[in-house]
Structures are given as C-alpha cells and as structure tokens.
C-alpha cells in the first residue's frame, strides 16, 4: 500500500470520531510503527489535522475540541 492509500485510510478511520488503536492501524496498513508515526505526523503537522495520542485506548483520535481543517489536500473520503 502506498502513502496516498495509507493517508486516505487513516483519514477515513479518524473521521469516525472514535479512537483508532495502534494495532488496528498497523494491521490494516501493513506498515511498521515508524512508518505509521510518520504518516500520522504528516497528516497532523503538514495538513493541520488535530490528531492526538489517546493512551487509554492505545491509539490516535481527533481532538474533539478542534475539528480538522477539512480533508487532507489530494485526498477524498466518502463517509
């Protein structure tokens, strides 16, 4: 799976408003933890999505107080 597909999948999963576990992302994306962290950082830092680590669920979620700025440029997600 290429980076574009991974970013699309991460965006789709986070758009549900629920925390997405590290294990689910690693399994679904079939990448290393380092690659997953880079992809999360790219969406958060370069595209302004308010992604935060949620220790209780051992996963990432969108900050409920700060909705995303819109879709990551170049990505289109249908919910």
Protein backbone atom coordinates (compact mmCIF):
# COMPACT_ATOMS: atom_id res chain seq x y z
CA UNK A 1 0.00 0.00 0.00
CA UNK A 2 1.39 3.37 -0.98
CA UNK A 3 1.49 6.51 1.15
CA UNK A 4 -1.54 8.05 -0.56
CA UNK A 5 -3.63 4.97 0.27
CA UNK A 6 -2.34 4.90 3.84
CA UNK A 7 -3.17 8.57 4.41
CA UNK A 8 -6.63 8.06 2.95
CA UNK A 9 -7.24 5.08 5.24
CA UNK A 10 -6.01 6.94 8.33
CA UNK A 11 -8.20 9.93 7.48
CA UNK A 12 -11.25 7.71 6.95
CA UNK A 13 -10.76 5.87 10.24
CA UNK A 14 -10.15 9.03 12.27
CA UNK A 15 -13.17 10.74 10.71
CA UNK A 16 -15.47 8.43 12.69
CA UNK A 17 -14.69 10.45 15.82
CA UNK A 18 -13.52 7.38 17.70
CA UNK A 19 -10.04 6.46 18.82
CA UNK A 20 -8.29 4.13 16.39
CA UNK A 21 -5.91 1.67 18.03
CA UNK A 22 -2.29 1.39 17.09
CA UNK A 23 -2.74 -2.33 16.50
CA UNK A 24 -5.65 -1.80 14.11
CA UNK A 25 -3.73 0.77 12.09
CA UNK A 26 -0.62 -1.42 11.94
CA UNK A 27 -2.72 -4.40 10.84
CA UNK A 28 -4.85 -2.53 8.30
CA UNK A 29 -1.98 -0.55 6.79
CA UNK A 30 0.60 -3.37 6.94
CA UNK A 31 3.43 -0.98 7.89
CA UNK A 32 5.98 -0.61 10.65
CA UNK A 33 5.32 1.53 13.70
CA UNK A 34 7.88 4.06 12.42
CA UNK A 35 6.01 4.43 9.11
CA UNK A 36 2.69 4.77 10.89
CA UNK A 37 4.09 7.52 13.13
CA UNK A 38 5.47 9.37 10.10
CA UNK A 39 2.10 9.18 8.35
CA UNK A 40 0.27 10.44 11.45
CA UNK A 41 2.80 13.28 11.82
CA UNK A 42 2.34 14.25 8.18
CA UNK A 43 -1.43 14.49 8.49
CA UNK A 44 -1.14 16.39 11.78
CA UNK A 45 1.77 18.72 11.10
CA UNK A 46 1.59 19.39 7.37
CA UNK A 47 -2.18 19.28 6.90
CA UNK A 48 -3.41 20.64 10.23
CA UNK A 49 -5.48 17.74 11.48
CA UNK A 50 -5.72 17.84 15.32
CA UNK A 51 -4.63 14.24 15.87
CA UNK A 52 -3.72 13.30 19.43
CA UNK A 53 -2.46 10.17 21.14
CA UNK A 54 -5.04 8.63 23.47
CA UNK A 55 -3.19 6.44 25.98
CA UNK A 56 -6.31 4.79 27.41
CA UNK A 57 -7.20 3.23 24.07
CA UNK A 58 -3.58 2.86 22.91
CA UNK A 59 -4.46 4.73 19.75
CA UNK A 60 -4.97 8.03 17.97
CA UNK A 61 -8.05 10.20 17.73
CA UNK A 62 -9.08 13.63 16.58
CA UNK A 63 -9.11 16.24 19.32
CA UNK A 64 -12.85 16.70 19.92
CA UNK A 65 -12.29 20.38 20.77
CA UNK A 66 -10.54 21.14 17.48
CA UNK A 67 -12.18 19.70 14.37
CA UNK A 68 -9.99 19.10 11.31
CA UNK A 69 -9.44 21.87 8.80
CA UNK A 70 -11.01 19.71 6.09
CA UNK A 71 -9.71 16.77 4.13
CA UNK A 72 -6.02 16.33 3.59
CA UNK A 73 -5.29 18.02 0.25
CA UNK A 74 -5.44 15.49 -2.56
CA UNK A 75 -7.48 13.04 -0.51
CA UNK A 76 -11.18 12.46 -0.92
CA UNK A 77 -13.01 10.39 1.64
CA UNK A 78 -16.63 9.36 1.40
CA UNK A 79 -18.26 8.55 4.71
